[in-house]
Amino acid sequence: MGLNTWLTQKAMARILGVTQQDISVHARSILAENKKFQSIFVRKMKTENQRSRRNYYHQVFLEMISERVRTKSAERFKMMVGRNRKGLGLRMLMISE
């Protein structure tokens, strides 16, 4: 994934092997823990074939949710991200301070 990848909850659910409702629960929890994350990781966007705007989440937010999910798909995703991106925890710590 590129640095500016944005996904819907439905897409995140497919990647992590959970339901969209599971993603929603984890998203609300993460956003409640740190209000800054809403403005950093969530954007309302409208694509060409959509009539209304919907929330899209930055790929880093997907990585944060993957830390809370316990499925084989999530474990594979975390391994892939770990190989491609070092120091995510440090960057997240800097954002939250």
PDB file of N, CA and C in Angstrom:
ATOM      1  N   MET A   1       0.841  -1.190   0.000  1.00  0.00           N
ATOM      2  CA  MET A   1       0.000   0.000   0.000  1.00  0.00           C
ATOM      3  C   MET A   1       0.875   1.239   0.000  1.00  0.00           C
ATOM      4  N   GLY A   2       0.414   2.261  -0.714  1.00  0.00           N
ATOM      5  CA  GLY A   2       1.134   3.517  -0.737  1.00  0.00           C
ATOM      6  C   GLY A   2       0.890   4.307   0.532  1.00  0.00           C
ATOM      7  N   LEU A   3       1.578   5.419   0.652  1.00  0.00           N
ATOM      8  CA  LEU A   3       1.455   6.220   1.856  1.00  0.00           C
ATOM      9  C   LEU A   3       0.111   6.919   1.983  1.00  0.00           C
ATOM     10  N   ASN A   4      -0.615   7.065   0.883  1.00  0.00           N
ATOM     11  CA  ASN A   4      -1.898   7.762   0.932  1.00  0.00           C
ATOM     12  C   ASN A   4      -3.044   6.855   0.536  1.00  0.00           C
ATOM     13  N   THR A   5      -3.103   5.684   1.100  1.00  0.00           N
ATOM     14  CA  THR A   5      -4.182   4.751   0.824  1.00  0.00           C
ATOM     15  C   THR A   5      -5.311   4.983   1.821  1.00  0.00           C
ATOM     16  N   TRP A   6      -6.523   5.145   1.305  1.00  0.00           N
ATOM     17  CA  TRP A   6      -7.707   5.363   2.132  1.00  0.00           C
ATOM     18  C   TRP A   6      -8.688   4.240   1.866  1.00  0.00           C
ATOM     19  N   LEU A   7      -9.282   3.701   2.942  1.00  0.00           N
ATOM     20  CA  LEU A   7     -10.171   2.549   2.822  1.00  0.00           C
ATOM     21  C   LEU A   7     -11.467   2.778   3.568  1.00  0.00           C
ATOM     22  N   THR A   8     -12.515   2.097   3.114  1.00  0.00           N
ATOM     23  CA  THR A   8     -13.785   2.099   3.838  1.00  0.00           C
ATOM     24  C   THR A   8     -13.717   1.036   4.933  1.00  0.00           C
ATOM     25  N   GLN A   9     -14.681   1.062   5.832  1.00  0.00           N
ATOM     26  CA  GLN A   9     -14.751   0.021   6.854  1.00  0.00           C
ATOM     27  C   GLN A   9     -14.976  -1.342   6.212  1.00  0.00           C
ATOM     28  N   LYS A  10     -15.736  -1.380   5.140  1.00  0.00           N
ATOM     29  CA  LYS A  10     -15.998  -2.638   4.450  1.00  0.00           C
ATOM     30  C   LYS A  10     -14.700  -3.229   3.907  1.00  0.00           C
ATOM     31  N   ALA A  11     -13.856  -2.402   3.310  1.00  0.00           N
ATOM     32  CA  ALA A  11     -12.575  -2.878   2.779  1.00  0.00           C
ATOM     33  C   ALA A  11     -11.660  -3.359   3.909  1.00  0.00           C
ATOM     34  N   MET A  12     -11.644  -2.614   5.019  1.00  0.00           N
ATOM     35  CA  MET A  12     -10.810  -3.031   6.156  1.00  0.00           C
ATOM     36  C   MET A  12     -11.281  -4.372   6.701  1.00  0.00           C
ATOM     37  N   ALA A  13     -12.592  -4.559   6.755  1.00  0.00           N
ATOM     38  CA  ALA A  13     -13.151  -5.826   7.252  1.00  0.00           C
ATOM     39  C   ALA A  13     -12.706  -6.992   6.377  1.00  0.00           C
ATOM     40  N   ARG A  14     -12.718  -6.795   5.074  1.00  0.00           N
ATOM     41  CA  ARG A  14     -12.274  -7.859   4.156  1.00  0.00           C
ATOM     42  C   ARG A  14     -10.805  -8.191   4.367  1.00  0.00           C
ATOM     43  N   ILE A  15      -9.980  -7.173   4.510  1.00  0.00           N
ATOM     44  CA  ILE A  15      -8.541  -7.388   4.686  1.00  0.00           C
ATOM     45  C   ILE A  15      -8.254  -8.144   5.974  1.00  0.00           C
ATOM     46  N   LEU A  16      -8.966  -7.792   7.046  1.00  0.00           N
ATOM     47  CA  LEU A  16      -8.683  -8.376   8.361  1.00  0.00           C
ATOM     48  C   LEU A  16      -9.520  -9.617   8.658  1.00  0.00           C
ATOM     49  N   GLY A  17     -10.462  -9.957   7.800  1.00  0.00           N
ATOM     50  CA  GLY A  17     -11.255 -11.161   8.008  1.00  0.00           C
ATOM     51  C   GLY A  17     -12.249 -11.072   9.147  1.00  0.00           C
ATOM     52  N   VAL A  18     -12.865  -9.892   9.297  1.00  0.00           N
ATOM     53  CA  VAL A  18     -13.881  -9.672  10.331  1.00  0.00           C
ATOM     54  C   VAL A  18     -15.084  -9.000   9.690  1.00  0.00           C
ATOM     55  N   THR A  19     -16.110  -8.710  10.482  1.00  0.00           N
ATOM     56  CA  THR A  19     -17.289  -8.022   9.951  1.00  0.00           C
ATOM     57  C   THR A  19     -17.080  -6.508   9.984  1.00  0.00           C
ATOM     58  N   GLN A  20     -17.881  -5.813   9.217  1.00  0.00           N
ATOM     59  CA  GLN A  20     -17.831  -4.360   9.216  1.00  0.00           C
ATOM     60  C   GLN A  20     -18.202  -3.811  10.597  1.00  0.00           C
ATOM     61  N   GLN A  21     -19.095  -4.506  11.285  1.00  0.00           N
ATOM     62  CA  GLN A  21     -19.475  -4.083  12.644  1.00  0.00           C
ATOM     63  C   GLN A  21     -18.280  -4.175  13.596  1.00  0.00           C
ATOM     64  N   ASP A  22     -17.455  -5.207  13.443  1.00  0.00           N
ATOM     65  CA  ASP A  22     -16.245  -5.317  14.273  1.00  0.00           C
ATOM     66  C   ASP A  22     -15.327  -4.124  14.041  1.00  0.00           C
ATOM     67  N   ILE A  23     -15.153  -3.763  12.779  1.00  0.00           N
ATOM     68  CA  ILE A  23     -14.303  -2.615  12.447  1.00  0.00           C
ATOM     69  C   ILE A  23     -14.874  -1.352  13.072  1.00  0.00           C
ATOM     70  N   SER A  24     -16.178  -1.178  12.990  1.00  0.00           N
ATOM     71  CA  SER A  24     -16.828   0.001  13.548  1.00  0.00           C
ATOM     72  C   SER A  24     -16.604   0.109  15.052  1.00  0.00           C
ATOM     73  N   VAL A  25     -16.725  -1.005  15.750  1.00  0.00           N
ATOM     74  CA  VAL A  25     -16.506  -1.007  17.209  1.00  0.00           C
ATOM     75  C   VAL A  25     -15.079  -0.594  17.533  1.00  0.00           C
ATOM     76  N   HIS A  26     -14.117  -1.170  16.843  1.00  0.00           N
ATOM     77  CA  HIS A  26     -12.706  -0.843  17.104  1.00  0.00           C
ATOM     78  C   HIS A  26     -12.401   0.599  16.702  1.00  0.00           C
ATOM     79  N   ALA A  27     -12.969   1.058  15.593  1.00  0.00           N
ATOM     80  CA  ALA A  27     -12.747   2.438  15.150  1.00  0.00           C
ATOM     81  C   ALA A  27     -13.260   3.431  16.188  1.00  0.00           C
ATOM     82  N   ARG A  28     -14.478   3.200  16.668  1.00  0.00           N
ATOM     83  CA  ARG A  28     -15.035   4.101  17.697  1.00  0.00           C
ATOM     84  C   ARG A  28     -14.166   4.110  18.945  1.00  0.00           C
ATOM     85  N   SER A  29     -13.687   2.951  19.348  1.00  0.00           N
ATOM     86  CA  SER A  29     -12.848   2.843  20.538  1.00  0.00           C
ATOM     87  C   SER A  29     -11.541   3.617  20.364  1.00  0.00           C
ATOM     88  N   ILE A  30     -10.889   3.437  19.227  1.00  0.00           N
ATOM     89  CA  ILE A  30      -9.624   4.130  18.966  1.00  0.00           C
ATOM     90  C   ILE A  30      -9.834   5.639  18.917  1.00  0.00           C
ATOM     91  N   LEU A  31     -10.886   6.073  18.248  1.00  0.00           N
ATOM     92  CA  LEU A  31     -11.156   7.508  18.140  1.00  0.00           C
ATOM     93  C   LEU A  31     -11.549   8.111  19.485  1.00  0.00           C
ATOM     94  N   ALA A  32     -12.197   7.338  20.341  1.00  0.00           N
ATOM     95  CA  ALA A  32     -12.554   7.837  21.679  1.00  0.00           C
ATOM     96  C   ALA A  32     -11.316   7.984  22.559  1.00  0.00           C
ATOM     97  N   GLU A  33     -10.322   7.129  22.339  1.00  0.00           N
ATOM     98  CA  GLU A  33      -9.086   7.184  23.131  1.00  0.00           C
ATOM     99  C   GLU A  33      -8.235   8.402  22.786  1.00  0.00           C
ATOM    100  N   ASN A  34      -8.298   8.847  21.549  1.00  0.00           N
ATOM    101  CA  ASN A  34      -7.502  10.005  21.146  1.00  0.00           C
ATOM    102  C   ASN A  34      -8.271  10.809  20.102  1.00  0.00           C
ATOM    103  N   LYS A  35      -8.783  11.950  20.495  1.00  0.00           N
ATOM    104  CA  LYS A  35      -9.620  12.781  19.620  1.00  0.00           C
ATOM    105  C   LYS A  35      -8.854  13.303  18.405  1.00  0.00           C
ATOM    106  N   LYS A  36      -7.526  13.448  18.507  1.00  0.00           N
ATOM    107  CA  LYS A  36      -6.726  13.930  17.377  1.00  0.00           C
ATOM    108  C   LYS A  36      -6.795  12.982  16.183  1.00  0.00           C
ATOM    109  N   PHE A  37      -6.987  11.716  16.448  1.00  0.00           N
ATOM    110  CA  PHE A  37      -6.969  10.723  15.375  1.00  0.00           C
ATOM    111  C   PHE A  37      -8.083  10.953  14.357  1.00  0.00           C
ATOM    112  N   GLN A  38      -9.211  11.511  14.787  1.00  0.00           N
ATOM    113  CA  GLN A  38     -10.328  11.765  13.867  1.00  0.00           C
ATOM    114  C   GLN A  38      -9.865  12.665  12.722  1.00  0.00           C
ATOM    115  N   SER A  39      -9.177  13.748  13.049  1.00  0.00           N
ATOM    116  CA  SER A  39      -8.758  14.691  12.005  1.00  0.00           C
ATOM    117  C   SER A  39      -7.565  14.179  11.204  1.00  0.00           C
ATOM    118  N   ILE A  40      -6.806  13.254  11.759  1.00  0.00           N
ATOM    119  CA  ILE A  40      -5.615  12.741  11.084  1.00  0.00           C
ATOM    120  C   ILE A  40      -5.951  11.575  10.163  1.00  0.00           C
ATOM    121  N   PHE A  41      -6.769  10.645  10.637  1.00  0.00           N
ATOM    122  CA  PHE A  41      -6.950   9.373   9.950  1.00  0.00           C
ATOM    123  C   PHE A  41      -8.312   9.151   9.298  1.00  0.00           C
ATOM    124  N   VAL A  42      -9.243  10.090   9.443  1.00  0.00           N
ATOM    125  CA  VAL A  42     -10.584   9.893   8.886  1.00  0.00           C
ATOM    126  C   VAL A  42     -10.915  11.070   7.963  1.00  0.00           C
ATOM    127  N   ARG A  43     -11.371  10.756   6.758  1.00  0.00           N
ATOM    128  CA  ARG A  43     -11.773  11.770   5.788  1.00  0.00           C
ATOM    129  C   ARG A  43     -13.126  11.402   5.208  1.00  0.00           C
ATOM    130  N   LYS A  44     -13.965  12.416   5.031  1.00  0.00           N
ATOM    131  CA  LYS A  44     -15.225  12.215   4.313  1.00  0.00           C
ATOM    132  C   LYS A  44     -14.928  12.476   2.842  1.00  0.00           C
ATOM    133  N   MET A  45     -15.179  11.458   2.017  1.00  0.00           N
ATOM    134  CA  MET A  45     -14.909  11.591   0.585  1.00  0.00           C
ATOM    135  C   MET A  45     -16.063  11.018  -0.211  1.00  0.00           C
ATOM    136  N   LYS A  46     -16.116  11.437  -1.458  1.00  0.00           N
ATOM    137  CA  LYS A  46     -17.130  10.949  -2.382  1.00  0.00           C
ATOM    138  C   LYS A  46     -16.418  10.526  -3.657  1.00  0.00           C
ATOM    139  N   THR A  47     -16.632   9.283  -4.081  1.00  0.00           N
ATOM    140  CA  THR A  47     -16.040   8.831  -5.335  1.00  0.00           C
ATOM    141  C   THR A  47     -17.020   9.099  -6.474  1.00  0.00           C
ATOM    142  N   GLU A  48     -16.580   8.864  -7.687  1.00  0.00           N
ATOM    143  CA  GLU A  48     -17.405   9.169  -8.855  1.00  0.00           C
ATOM    144  C   GLU A  48     -18.761   8.472  -8.844  1.00  0.00           C
ATOM    145  N   ASN A  49     -18.807   7.221  -8.402  1.00  0.00           N
ATOM    146  CA  ASN A  49     -20.067   6.470  -8.463  1.00  0.00           C
ATOM    147  C   ASN A  49     -20.860   6.511  -7.160  1.00  0.00           C
ATOM    148  N   GLN A  50     -20.509   7.373  -6.238  1.00  0.00           N
ATOM    149  CA  GLN A  50     -21.247   7.487  -4.979  1.00  0.00           C
ATOM    150  C   GLN A  50     -22.086   8.764  -4.989  1.00  0.00           C
ATOM    151  N   ARG A  51     -23.262   8.663  -4.415  1.00  0.00           N
ATOM    152  CA  ARG A  51     -24.129   9.844  -4.331  1.00  0.00           C
ATOM    153  C   ARG A  51     -23.856  10.662  -3.079  1.00  0.00           C
ATOM    154  N   SER A  52     -23.400   9.999  -2.046  1.00  0.00           N
ATOM    155  CA  SER A  52     -23.142  10.715  -0.801  1.00  0.00           C
ATOM    156  C   SER A  52     -21.700  10.497  -0.356  1.00  0.00           C
ATOM    157  N   ARG A  53     -21.265  11.342   0.539  1.00  0.00           N
ATOM    158  CA  ARG A  53     -19.909  11.223   1.073  1.00  0.00           C
ATOM    159  C   ARG A  53     -19.902  10.189   2.183  1.00  0.00           C
ATOM    160  N   ARG A  54     -18.813   9.465   2.295  1.00  0.00           N
ATOM    161  CA  ARG A  54     -18.684   8.487   3.378  1.00  0.00           C
ATOM    162  C   ARG A  54     -17.289   8.571   3.961  1.00  0.00           C
ATOM    163  N   ASN A  55     -17.149   7.995   5.143  1.00  0.00           N
ATOM    164  CA  ASN A  55     -15.851   8.022   5.808  1.00  0.00           C
ATOM    165  C   ASN A  55     -14.879   7.054   5.151  1.00  0.00           C
ATOM    166  N   TYR A  56     -13.668   7.538   4.949  1.00  0.00           N
ATOM    167  CA  TYR A  56     -12.553   6.706   4.520  1.00  0.00           C
ATOM    168  C   TYR A  56     -11.478   6.835   5.580  1.00  0.00           C
ATOM    169  N   TYR A  57     -10.765   5.745   5.814  1.00  0.00           N
ATOM    170  CA  TYR A  57      -9.777   5.687   6.879  1.00  0.00           C
ATOM    171  C   TYR A  57      -8.393   5.451   6.289  1.00  0.00           C
ATOM    172  N   HIS A  58      -7.411   6.184   6.800  1.00  0.00           N
ATOM    173  CA  HIS A  58      -6.035   6.062   6.316  1.00  0.00           C
ATOM    174  C   HIS A  58      -5.494   4.681   6.663  1.00  0.00           C
ATOM    175  N   GLN A  59      -4.575   4.185   5.843  1.00  0.00           N
ATOM    176  CA  GLN A  59      -4.035   2.848   6.063  1.00  0.00           C
ATOM    177  C   GLN A  59      -3.393   2.693   7.439  1.00  0.00           C
ATOM    178  N   VAL A  60      -2.864   3.755   8.016  1.00  0.00           N
ATOM    179  CA  VAL A  60      -2.280   3.658   9.362  1.00  0.00           C
ATOM    180  C   VAL A  60      -3.367   3.308  10.374  1.00  0.00           C
ATOM    181  N   PHE A  61      -4.573   3.818  10.143  1.00  0.00           N
ATOM    182  CA  PHE A  61      -5.692   3.480  11.019  1.00  0.00           C
ATOM    183  C   PHE A  61      -6.014   1.992  10.905  1.00  0.00           C
ATOM    184  N   LEU A  62      -5.926   1.452   9.701  1.00  0.00           N
ATOM    185  CA  LEU A  62      -6.108   0.004   9.501  1.00  0.00           C
ATOM    186  C   LEU A  62      -5.062  -0.769  10.304  1.00  0.00           C
ATOM    187  N   GLU A  63      -3.836  -0.292  10.308  1.00  0.00           N
ATOM    188  CA  GLU A  63      -2.786  -0.950  11.078  1.00  0.00           C
ATOM    189  C   GLU A  63      -3.110  -0.913  12.576  1.00  0.00           C
ATOM    190  N   MET A  64      -3.660   0.205  13.041  1.00  0.00           N
ATOM    191  CA  MET A  64      -4.027   0.314  14.451  1.00  0.00           C
ATOM    192  C   MET A  64      -5.137  -0.680  14.791  1.00  0.00           C
ATOM    193  N   ILE A  65      -6.133  -0.793  13.927  1.00  0.00           N
ATOM    194  CA  ILE A  65      -7.221  -1.741  14.165  1.00  0.00           C
ATOM    195  C   ILE A  65      -6.701  -3.170  14.113  1.00  0.00           C
ATOM    196  N   SER A  66      -5.763  -3.442  13.207  1.00  0.00           N
ATOM    197  CA  SER A  66      -5.236  -4.809  13.092  1.00  0.00           C
ATOM    198  C   SER A  66      -4.570  -5.276  14.381  1.00  0.00           C
ATOM    199  N   GLU A  67      -4.079  -4.347  15.182  1.00  0.00           N
ATOM    200  CA  GLU A  67      -3.472  -4.711  16.466  1.00  0.00           C
ATOM    201  C   GLU A  67      -4.509  -5.207  17.476  1.00  0.00           C
ATOM    202  N   ARG A  68      -5.776  -4.914  17.236  1.00  0.00           N
ATOM    203  CA  ARG A  68      -6.849  -5.303  18.153  1.00  0.00           C
ATOM    204  C   ARG A  68      -7.614  -6.544  17.686  1.00  0.00           C
ATOM    205  N   VAL A  69      -7.346  -6.974  16.462  1.00  0.00           N
ATOM    206  CA  VAL A  69      -8.096  -8.079  15.851  1.00  0.00           C
ATOM    207  C   VAL A  69      -7.254  -9.350  15.905  1.00  0.00           C
ATOM    208  N   ARG A  70      -7.897 -10.461  16.225  1.00  0.00           N
ATOM    209  CA  ARG A  70      -7.195 -11.741  16.332  1.00  0.00           C
ATOM    210  C   ARG A  70      -7.723 -12.728  15.304  1.00  0.00           C
ATOM    211  N   THR A  71      -7.349 -12.531  14.052  1.00  0.00           N
ATOM    212  CA  THR A  71      -7.699 -13.479  12.993  1.00  0.00           C
ATOM    213  C   THR A  71      -6.428 -13.808  12.212  1.00  0.00           C
ATOM    214  N   LYS A  72      -6.470 -14.891  11.466  1.00  0.00           N
ATOM    215  CA  LYS A  72      -5.310 -15.246  10.642  1.00  0.00           C
ATOM    216  C   LYS A  72      -5.042 -14.162   9.605  1.00  0.00           C
ATOM    217  N   SER A  73      -6.097 -13.609   9.050  1.00  0.00           N
ATOM    218  CA  SER A  73      -5.930 -12.537   8.056  1.00  0.00           C
ATOM    219  C   SER A  73      -5.243 -11.328   8.670  1.00  0.00           C
ATOM    220  N   ALA A  74      -5.627 -10.975   9.887  1.00  0.00           N
ATOM    221  CA  ALA A  74      -5.009  -9.836  10.563  1.00  0.00           C
ATOM    222  C   ALA A  74      -3.546 -10.124  10.872  1.00  0.00           C
ATOM    223  N   GLU A  75      -3.247 -11.339  11.278  1.00  0.00           N
ATOM    224  CA  GLU A  75      -1.853 -11.704  11.566  1.00  0.00           C
ATOM    225  C   GLU A  75      -1.000 -11.616  10.305  1.00  0.00           C
ATOM    226  N   ARG A  76      -1.523 -12.098   9.175  1.00  0.00           N
ATOM    227  CA  ARG A  76      -0.796 -11.997   7.904  1.00  0.00           C
ATOM    228  C   ARG A  76      -0.584 -10.540   7.511  1.00  0.00           C
ATOM    229  N   PHE A  77      -1.621  -9.726   7.697  1.00  0.00           N
ATOM    230  CA  PHE A  77      -1.511  -8.310   7.379  1.00  0.00           C
ATOM    231  C   PHE A  77      -0.423  -7.656   8.230  1.00  0.00           C
ATOM    232  N   LYS A  78      -0.422  -7.954   9.526  1.00  0.00           N
ATOM    233  CA  LYS A  78       0.584  -7.358  10.414  1.00  0.00           C
ATOM    234  C   LYS A  78       1.994  -7.789  10.025  1.00  0.00           C
ATOM    235  N   MET A  79       2.151  -9.036   9.609  1.00  0.00           N
ATOM    236  CA  MET A  79       3.467  -9.501   9.178  1.00  0.00           C
ATOM    237  C   MET A  79       3.906  -8.751   7.918  1.00  0.00           C
ATOM    238  N   MET A  80       2.998  -8.565   6.984  1.00  0.00           N
ATOM    239  CA  MET A  80       3.315  -7.844   5.752  1.00  0.00           C
ATOM    240  C   MET A  80       3.702  -6.401   6.057  1.00  0.00           C
ATOM    241  N   VAL A  81       2.933  -5.752   6.905  1.00  0.00           N
ATOM    242  CA  VAL A  81       3.218  -4.363   7.256  1.00  0.00           C
ATOM    243  C   VAL A  81       4.538  -4.273   8.005  1.00  0.00           C
ATOM    244  N   GLY A  82       4.777  -5.219   8.892  1.00  0.00           N
ATOM    245  CA  GLY A  82       6.016  -5.212   9.669  1.00  0.00           C
ATOM    246  C   GLY A  82       7.243  -5.282   8.796  1.00  0.00           C
ATOM    247  N   ARG A  83       7.154  -6.017   7.712  1.00  0.00           N
ATOM    248  CA  ARG A  83       8.288  -6.110   6.789  1.00  0.00           C
ATOM    249  C   ARG A  83       8.496  -4.814   6.026  1.00  0.00           C
ATOM    250  N   ASN A  84       7.407  -4.112   5.754  1.00  0.00           N
ATOM    251  CA  ASN A  84       7.489  -2.915   4.916  1.00  0.00           C
ATOM    252  C   ASN A  84       7.635  -1.618   5.699  1.00  0.00           C
ATOM    253  N   ARG A  85       7.301  -1.645   6.965  1.00  0.00           N
ATOM    254  CA  ARG A  85       7.272  -0.397   7.714  1.00  0.00           C
ATOM    255  C   ARG A  85       7.797  -0.619   9.127  1.00  0.00           C
ATOM    256  N   LYS A  86       8.919  -0.041   9.433  1.00  0.00           N
ATOM    257  CA  LYS A  86       9.488  -0.143  10.775  1.00  0.00           C
ATOM    258  C   LYS A  86       9.200   1.151  11.533  1.00  0.00           C
ATOM    259  N   GLY A  87       9.037   1.050  12.828  1.00  0.00           N
ATOM    260  CA  GLY A  87       8.885   2.233  13.657  1.00  0.00           C
ATOM    261  C   GLY A  87       7.494   2.827  13.707  1.00  0.00           C
ATOM    262  N   LEU A  88       6.455   2.076  13.294  1.00  0.00           N
ATOM    263  CA  LEU A  88       5.095   2.615  13.352  1.00  0.00           C
ATOM    264  C   LEU A  88       4.735   3.002  14.786  1.00  0.00           C
ATOM    265  N   GLY A  89       5.080   2.160  15.733  1.00  0.00           N
ATOM    266  CA  GLY A  89       4.759   2.446  17.137  1.00  0.00           C
ATOM    267  C   GLY A  89       5.347   3.764  17.602  1.00  0.00           C
ATOM    268  N   LEU A  90       6.573   4.041  17.204  1.00  0.00           N
ATOM    269  CA  LEU A  90       7.216   5.290  17.576  1.00  0.00           C
ATOM    270  C   LEU A  90       6.500   6.472  16.939  1.00  0.00           C
ATOM    271  N   ARG A  91       6.117   6.362  15.656  1.00  0.00           N
ATOM    272  CA  ARG A  91       5.399   7.442  14.998  1.00  0.00           C
ATOM    273  C   ARG A  91       4.039   7.680  15.668  1.00  0.00           C
ATOM    274  N   MET A  92       3.349   6.621  16.049  1.00  0.00           N
ATOM    275  CA  MET A  92       2.047   6.772  16.695  1.00  0.00           C
ATOM    276  C   MET A  92       2.213   7.425  18.055  1.00  0.00           C
ATOM    277  N   LEU A  93       3.279   7.095  18.755  1.00  0.00           N
ATOM    278  CA  LEU A  93       3.552   7.704  20.055  1.00  0.00           C
ATOM    279  C   LEU A  93       3.783   9.210  19.879  1.00  0.00           C
ATOM    280  N   MET A  94       4.502   9.594  18.853  1.00  0.00           N
ATOM    281  CA  MET A  94       4.776  11.002  18.618  1.00  0.00           C
ATOM    282  C   MET A  94       3.500  11.752  18.269  1.00  0.00           C
ATOM    283  N   ILE A  95       2.602  11.146  17.514  1.00  0.00           N
ATOM    284  CA  ILE A  95       1.344  11.787  17.147  1.00  0.00           C
ATOM    285  C   ILE A  95       0.476  12.003  18.381  1.00  0.00           C
ATOM    286  N   SER A  96       0.461  11.021  19.272  1.00  0.00           N
ATOM    287  CA  SER A  96      -0.450  11.102  20.422  1.00  0.00           C
ATOM    288  C   SER A  96       0.027  12.069  21.497  1.00  0.00           C
ATOM    289  N   GLU A  97       1.263  12.480  21.434  1.00  0.00           N
ATOM    290  CA  GLU A  97       1.781  13.401  22.459  1.00  0.00           C
ATOM    291  C   GLU A  97       1.522  14.841  22.107  1.00  0.00           C
TER     292      GLU A  97
END
